[in-house]
C-alpha atoms as a PDB file:
ATOM      1  CA  MET A   1      10.863 -65.663 -23.298  1.00  0.00           C
ATOM      2  CA  ALA A   2      13.311 -63.401 -23.888  1.00  0.00           C
ATOM      3  CA  SER A   3      12.823 -61.337 -27.444  1.00  0.00           C
ATOM      4  CA  ASP A   4      15.869 -58.553 -28.383  1.00  0.00           C
ATOM      5  CA  GLN A   5      13.000 -56.415 -26.527  1.00  0.00           C
ATOM      6  CA  GLY A   6      13.739 -58.064 -22.954  1.00  0.00           C
ATOM      7  CA  VAL A   7      11.341 -60.461 -21.056  1.00  0.00           C
ATOM      8  CA  VAL A   8       8.294 -61.249 -22.633  1.00  0.00           C
ATOM      9  CA  THR A   9       5.456 -63.789 -21.291  1.00  0.00           C
ATOM     10  CA  ILE A  10       3.116 -65.152 -23.881  1.00  0.00           C
ATOM     11  CA  ARG A  11      -0.030 -66.262 -21.863  1.00  0.00           C
ATOM     12  CA  PRO A  12      -3.953 -66.675 -23.605  1.00  0.00           C
ATOM     13  CA  ALA A  13      -5.497 -63.434 -23.037  1.00  0.00           C
ATOM     14  CA  VAL A  14      -8.083 -62.749 -20.580  1.00  0.00           C
ATOM     15  CA  GLN A  15     -10.816 -59.837 -20.125  1.00  0.00           C
ATOM     16  CA  GLU A  16      -8.490 -56.852 -18.803  1.00  0.00           C
ATOM     17  CA  ASP A  17      -6.438 -57.498 -21.349  1.00  0.00           C
ATOM     18  CA  LEU A  18      -8.961 -56.812 -24.484  1.00  0.00           C
ATOM     19  CA  SER A  19      -9.043 -52.783 -23.926  1.00  0.00           C
ATOM     20  CA  ASP A  20      -5.174 -53.115 -24.848  1.00  0.00           C
ATOM     21  CA  ILE A  21      -5.306 -55.336 -28.005  1.00  0.00           C
ATOM     22  CA  ALA A  22      -8.575 -52.967 -29.123  1.00  0.00           C
ATOM     23  CA  ALA A  23      -6.116 -49.993 -28.861  1.00  0.00           C
ATOM     24  CA  ILE A  24      -3.058 -51.800 -30.770  1.00  0.00           C
ATOM     25  CA  TYR A  25      -5.871 -52.656 -33.385  1.00  0.00           C
ATOM     26  CA  ASN A  26      -7.058 -49.185 -33.576  1.00  0.00           C
ATOM     27  CA  HIS A  27      -4.074 -48.181 -33.980  1.00  0.00           C
ATOM     28  CA  GLU A  28      -3.631 -50.023 -37.211  1.00  0.00           C
ATOM     29  CA  ILE A  29      -6.945 -49.593 -38.569  1.00  0.00           C
ATOM     30  CA  ALA A  30      -6.072 -45.643 -38.754  1.00  0.00           C
ATOM     31  CA  ASN A  31      -2.634 -45.828 -39.839  1.00  0.00           C
ATOM     32  CA  SER A  32      -1.550 -48.676 -42.031  1.00  0.00           C
ATOM     33  CA  THR A  33      -3.422 -51.441 -44.149  1.00  0.00           C
ATOM     34  CA  ALA A  34      -2.248 -54.421 -41.959  1.00  0.00           C
ATOM     35  CA  THR A  35      -6.248 -54.290 -41.697  1.00  0.00           C
ATOM     36  CA  PHE A  36      -8.760 -53.321 -43.752  1.00  0.00           C
ATOM     37  CA  ASP A  37     -11.339 -52.389 -41.373  1.00  0.00           C
ATOM     38  CA  LEU A  38     -12.059 -49.044 -41.843  1.00  0.00           C
ATOM     39  CA  GLU A  39     -14.035 -48.291 -38.135  1.00  0.00           C
ATOM     40  CA  PRO A  40     -12.824 -49.635 -34.592  1.00  0.00           C
ATOM     41  CA  PRO A  41     -14.715 -52.944 -34.096  1.00  0.00           C
ATOM     42  CA  THR A  42     -16.967 -52.721 -30.603  1.00  0.00           C
ATOM     43  CA  TYR A  43     -16.144 -54.134 -27.127  1.00  0.00           C
ATOM     44  CA  ALA A  44     -18.409 -57.488 -28.010  1.00  0.00           C
ATOM     45  CA  TYR A  45     -15.916 -58.483 -30.874  1.00  0.00           C
ATOM     46  CA  TRP A  46     -13.209 -58.513 -28.814  1.00  0.00           C
ATOM     47  CA  GLU A  47     -15.234 -60.528 -26.083  1.00  0.00           C
ATOM     48  CA  GLN A  48     -16.066 -62.908 -29.111  1.00  0.00           C
ATOM     49  CA  ARG A  49     -12.623 -63.392 -30.334  1.00  0.00           C
ATOM     50  CA  LEU A  50     -11.759 -64.355 -26.268  1.00  0.00           C
ATOM     51  CA  ALA A  51     -14.449 -66.613 -25.768  1.00  0.00           C
ATOM     52  CA  GLY A  52     -13.915 -68.539 -29.374  1.00  0.00           C
ATOM     53  CA  LYS A  53     -16.287 -70.509 -30.853  1.00  0.00           C
ATOM     54  CA  HIS A  54     -13.924 -73.661 -31.587  1.00  0.00           C
ATOM     55  CA  GLU A  55     -11.205 -75.472 -30.128  1.00  0.00           C
ATOM     56  CA  GLY A  56      -9.132 -74.238 -32.847  1.00  0.00           C
ATOM     57  CA  ASP A  57      -9.888 -70.498 -31.509  1.00  0.00           C
ATOM     58  CA  HIS A  58      -7.280 -68.661 -29.472  1.00  0.00           C
ATOM     59  CA  LEU A  59      -6.305 -65.293 -28.683  1.00  0.00           C
ATOM     60  CA  LEU A  60      -2.775 -65.113 -27.054  1.00  0.00           C
ATOM     61  CA  VAL A  61      -1.101 -61.653 -25.756  1.00  0.00           C
ATOM     62  CA  ALA A  62       2.648 -60.721 -25.377  1.00  0.00           C
ATOM     63  CA  VAL A  63       3.255 -58.828 -22.204  1.00  0.00           C
ATOM     64  CA  ASP A  64       5.962 -56.897 -20.778  1.00  0.00           C
ATOM     65  CA  GLU A  65       8.278 -57.005 -17.565  1.00  0.00           C
ATOM     66  CA  ASP A  66       5.089 -54.384 -16.524  1.00  0.00           C
ATOM     67  CA  GLU A  67       2.373 -56.633 -17.420  1.00  0.00           C
ATOM     68  CA  ASP A  68       1.591 -54.287 -20.511  1.00  0.00           C
ATOM     69  CA  VAL A  69       0.246 -56.047 -23.442  1.00  0.00           C
ATOM     70  CA  VAL A  70       2.922 -55.321 -26.428  1.00  0.00           C
ATOM     71  CA  GLY A  71       1.278 -57.162 -28.828  1.00  0.00           C
ATOM     72  CA  TYR A  72      -1.353 -60.251 -29.573  1.00  0.00           C
ATOM     73  CA  ALA A  73      -2.223 -63.065 -32.113  1.00  0.00           C
ATOM     74  CA  TYR A  74      -5.062 -64.906 -32.571  1.00  0.00           C
ATOM     75  CA  SER A  75      -6.703 -67.932 -34.794  1.00  0.00           C
ATOM     76  CA  TRP A  76     -10.204 -67.566 -36.095  1.00  0.00           C
ATOM     77  CA  SER A  77     -12.519 -69.732 -38.607  1.00  0.00           C
ATOM     78  CA  TYR A  78     -11.169 -69.624 -42.108  1.00  0.00           C
ATOM     79  CA  ARG A  79     -14.606 -70.093 -43.482  1.00  0.00           C
ATOM     80  CA  PRO A  80     -17.944 -70.766 -42.271  1.00  0.00           C
ATOM     81  CA  ARG A  81     -18.520 -74.655 -43.618  1.00  0.00           C
ATOM     82  CA  PRO A  82     -18.270 -77.700 -41.415  1.00  0.00           C
ATOM     83  CA  ALA A  83     -15.187 -78.865 -44.057  1.00  0.00           C
ATOM     84  CA  TYR A  84     -13.048 -76.016 -42.973  1.00  0.00           C
ATOM     85  CA  ASP A  85     -13.108 -76.903 -39.197  1.00  0.00           C
ATOM     86  CA  LEU A  86      -9.466 -78.048 -39.138  1.00  0.00           C
ATOM     87  CA  THR A  87      -8.143 -74.806 -41.156  1.00  0.00           C
ATOM     88  CA  ARG A  88      -7.889 -71.056 -38.951  1.00  0.00           C
ATOM     89  CA  GLU A  89      -6.925 -68.016 -40.010  1.00  0.00           C
ATOM     90  CA  THR A  90      -4.500 -66.408 -38.016  1.00  0.00           C
ATOM     91  CA  SER A  91      -3.564 -62.575 -37.382  1.00  0.00           C
ATOM     92  CA  ILE A  92      -0.679 -61.100 -35.269  1.00  0.00           C
ATOM     93  CA  TYR A  93      -0.662 -57.262 -34.345  1.00  0.00           C
ATOM     94  CA  LEU A  94       2.401 -55.637 -32.255  1.00  0.00           C
ATOM     95  CA  ASP A  95       2.663 -52.378 -30.278  1.00  0.00           C
ATOM     96  CA  PRO A  96       4.615 -49.884 -32.842  1.00  0.00           C
ATOM     97  CA  SER A  97       7.036 -49.600 -30.140  1.00  0.00           C
ATOM     98  CA  VAL A  98       8.179 -53.112 -29.940  1.00  0.00           C
ATOM     99  CA  ARG A  99       8.434 -53.926 -33.642  1.00  0.00           C
ATOM    100  CA  GLY A 100      11.363 -55.456 -35.243  1.00  0.00           C
ATOM    101  CA  ARG A 101      12.355 -56.539 -31.663  1.00  0.00           C
ATOM    102  CA  GLY A 102      11.606 -60.442 -32.006  1.00  0.00           C
ATOM    103  CA  ILE A 103       8.244 -60.234 -29.813  1.00  0.00           C
ATOM    104  CA  GLY A 104       6.313 -61.840 -33.032  1.00  0.00           C
ATOM    105  CA  ARG A 105       9.140 -64.454 -33.510  1.00  0.00           C
ATOM    106  CA  VAL A 106       7.635 -65.802 -29.756  1.00  0.00           C
ATOM    107  CA  LEU A 107       4.208 -64.486 -30.065  1.00  0.00           C
ATOM    108  CA  TYR A 108       3.416 -66.128 -33.322  1.00  0.00           C
ATOM    109  CA  PRO A 109       4.880 -70.281 -32.906  1.00  0.00           C
ATOM    110  CA  ALA A 110       2.952 -69.849 -29.394  1.00  0.00           C
ATOM    111  CA  LEU A 111       0.031 -69.482 -31.060  1.00  0.00           C
ATOM    112  CA  LEU A 112       0.660 -72.078 -33.919  1.00  0.00           C
ATOM    113  CA  GLU A 113       1.948 -74.691 -31.309  1.00  0.00           C
ATOM    114  CA  ALA A 114      -1.725 -73.911 -29.284  1.00  0.00           C
ATOM    115  CA  MET A 115      -3.534 -74.354 -32.792  1.00  0.00           C
ATOM    116  CA  ALA A 116      -1.666 -77.810 -33.650  1.00  0.00           C
ATOM    117  CA  ALA A 117      -2.478 -78.938 -29.939  1.00  0.00           C
ATOM    118  CA  SER A 118      -5.753 -78.297 -30.191  1.00  0.00           C
ATOM    119  CA  GLY A 119      -6.153 -80.058 -33.658  1.00  0.00           C
ATOM    120  CA  VAL A 120      -5.648 -77.327 -36.304  1.00  0.00           C
ATOM    121  CA  HIS A 121      -4.375 -78.792 -39.436  1.00  0.00           C
ATOM    122  CA  THR A 122      -3.733 -75.575 -41.672  1.00  0.00           C
ATOM    123  CA  ALA A 123      -3.249 -72.260 -40.869  1.00  0.00           C
ATOM    124  CA  VAL A 124      -3.440 -69.720 -43.269  1.00  0.00           C
ATOM    125  CA  ALA A 125      -2.603 -65.854 -43.003  1.00  0.00           C
ATOM    126  CA  LEU A 126      -3.361 -62.599 -45.084  1.00  0.00           C
ATOM    127  CA  VAL A 127      -0.497 -60.094 -45.494  1.00  0.00           C
ATOM    128  CA  ALA A 128      -2.169 -56.649 -47.117  1.00  0.00           C
ATOM    129  CA  LEU A 129       1.134 -55.036 -49.143  1.00  0.00           C
ATOM    130  CA  PRO A 130       3.484 -53.943 -48.655  1.00  0.00           C
ATOM    131  CA  ASN A 131       4.512 -55.286 -45.470  1.00  0.00           C
ATOM    132  CA  PRO A 132       8.075 -56.711 -45.699  1.00  0.00           C
ATOM    133  CA  GLY A 133       7.984 -56.999 -41.531  1.00  0.00           C
ATOM    134  CA  SER A 134       4.970 -59.338 -41.684  1.00  0.00           C
ATOM    135  CA  ILE A 135       6.280 -61.246 -44.453  1.00  0.00           C
ATOM    136  CA  ALA A 136       9.698 -61.879 -42.933  1.00  0.00           C
ATOM    137  CA  LEU A 137       7.804 -63.062 -40.143  1.00  0.00           C
ATOM    138  CA  HIS A 138       5.491 -65.222 -41.671  1.00  0.00           C
ATOM    139  CA  LYS A 139       8.655 -67.232 -43.272  1.00  0.00           C
ATOM    140  CA  ALA A 140      10.724 -67.286 -40.278  1.00  0.00           C
ATOM    141  CA  CYS A 141       7.838 -69.266 -38.694  1.00  0.00           C
ATOM    142  CA  GLY A 142       7.573 -71.630 -41.625  1.00  0.00           C
ATOM    143  CA  PHE A 143       4.944 -70.239 -43.805  1.00  0.00           C
ATOM    144  CA  GLU A 144       4.684 -70.178 -47.503  1.00  0.00           C
ATOM    145  CA  HIS A 145       3.482 -68.090 -50.230  1.00  0.00           C
ATOM    146  CA  VAL A 146       0.697 -69.420 -52.029  1.00  0.00           C
ATOM    147  CA  GLY A 147      -0.981 -66.937 -53.926  1.00  0.00           C
ATOM    148  CA  THR A 148      -1.229 -63.219 -54.547  1.00  0.00           C
ATOM    149  CA  MET A 149      -4.575 -61.064 -54.847  1.00  0.00           C
ATOM    150  CA  ARG A 150      -4.526 -58.036 -56.774  1.00  0.00           C
ATOM    151  CA  GLU A 151      -6.383 -54.902 -55.513  1.00  0.00           C
ATOM    152  CA  VAL A 152      -8.749 -56.401 -53.605  1.00  0.00           C
ATOM    153  CA  GLY A 153      -8.757 -53.962 -50.604  1.00  0.00           C
ATOM    154  CA  TRP A 154      -9.357 -49.969 -50.997  1.00  0.00           C
ATOM    155  CA  LYS A 155      -8.063 -48.276 -48.201  1.00  0.00           C
ATOM    156  CA  PHE A 156      -6.466 -44.441 -47.995  1.00  0.00           C
ATOM    157  CA  ASP A 157      -7.534 -43.775 -51.670  1.00  0.00           C
ATOM    158  CA  GLN A 158      -5.458 -47.068 -53.104  1.00  0.00           C
ATOM    159  CA  TRP A 159      -5.853 -50.277 -53.952  1.00  0.00           C
ATOM    160  CA  VAL A 160      -3.808 -52.829 -51.879  1.00  0.00           C
ATOM    161  CA  ASP A 161      -2.654 -56.017 -52.736  1.00  0.00           C
ATOM    162  CA  VAL A 162      -2.991 -59.218 -50.268  1.00  0.00           C
ATOM    163  CA  GLU A 163      -0.608 -62.105 -50.127  1.00  0.00           C
ATOM    164  CA  TRP A 164      -2.152 -65.680 -48.969  1.00  0.00           C
ATOM    165  CA  TYR A 165       0.155 -67.575 -46.706  1.00  0.00           C
ATOM    166  CA  GLN A 166      -0.221 -71.233 -45.790  1.00  0.00           C
ATOM    167  CA  LYS A 167       1.220 -73.511 -43.143  1.00  0.00           C
ATOM    168  CA  LEU A 168       0.675 -77.013 -42.425  1.00  0.00           C
ATOM    169  CA  LEU A 169       0.544 -78.093 -38.572  1.00  0.00           C
ATOM    170  CA  SER A 170       0.032 -81.892 -38.572  1.00  0.00           C
END
């Protein structure tokens, strides 16, 4: 698939991608409020994401022409109760070197298509503020803003607001 970055391939993640995925995420932990994690998760955490627990759990990567992982997106349990089984929470992270080049606009729709094909009805996403790039991506992918939670995260000695986005897939 083409993006402003050049040719990227979107595919399901494999075990060999996990260290690259972790590196992208760890950068966000250390440098942004895009995640409220304060410490890098264990390798076992990423193995769980790869294995999934439900048909609606997906972990996709975007790889460049050199087969380097430049981004990833995943869907996972929204809440652990059975009535929520057809709702999945989504996340997307890109390597800082490729942001703003269209990769998210090919990676995120691929995730949403995989979710829909596996029977997921609703995708929900949280966006910590400020994050105009993520808001623009969610809106471009058909998500709608459904609410704001004020001062729910504390990171880098400041309170952080979070916006909720939702997209019906079926």
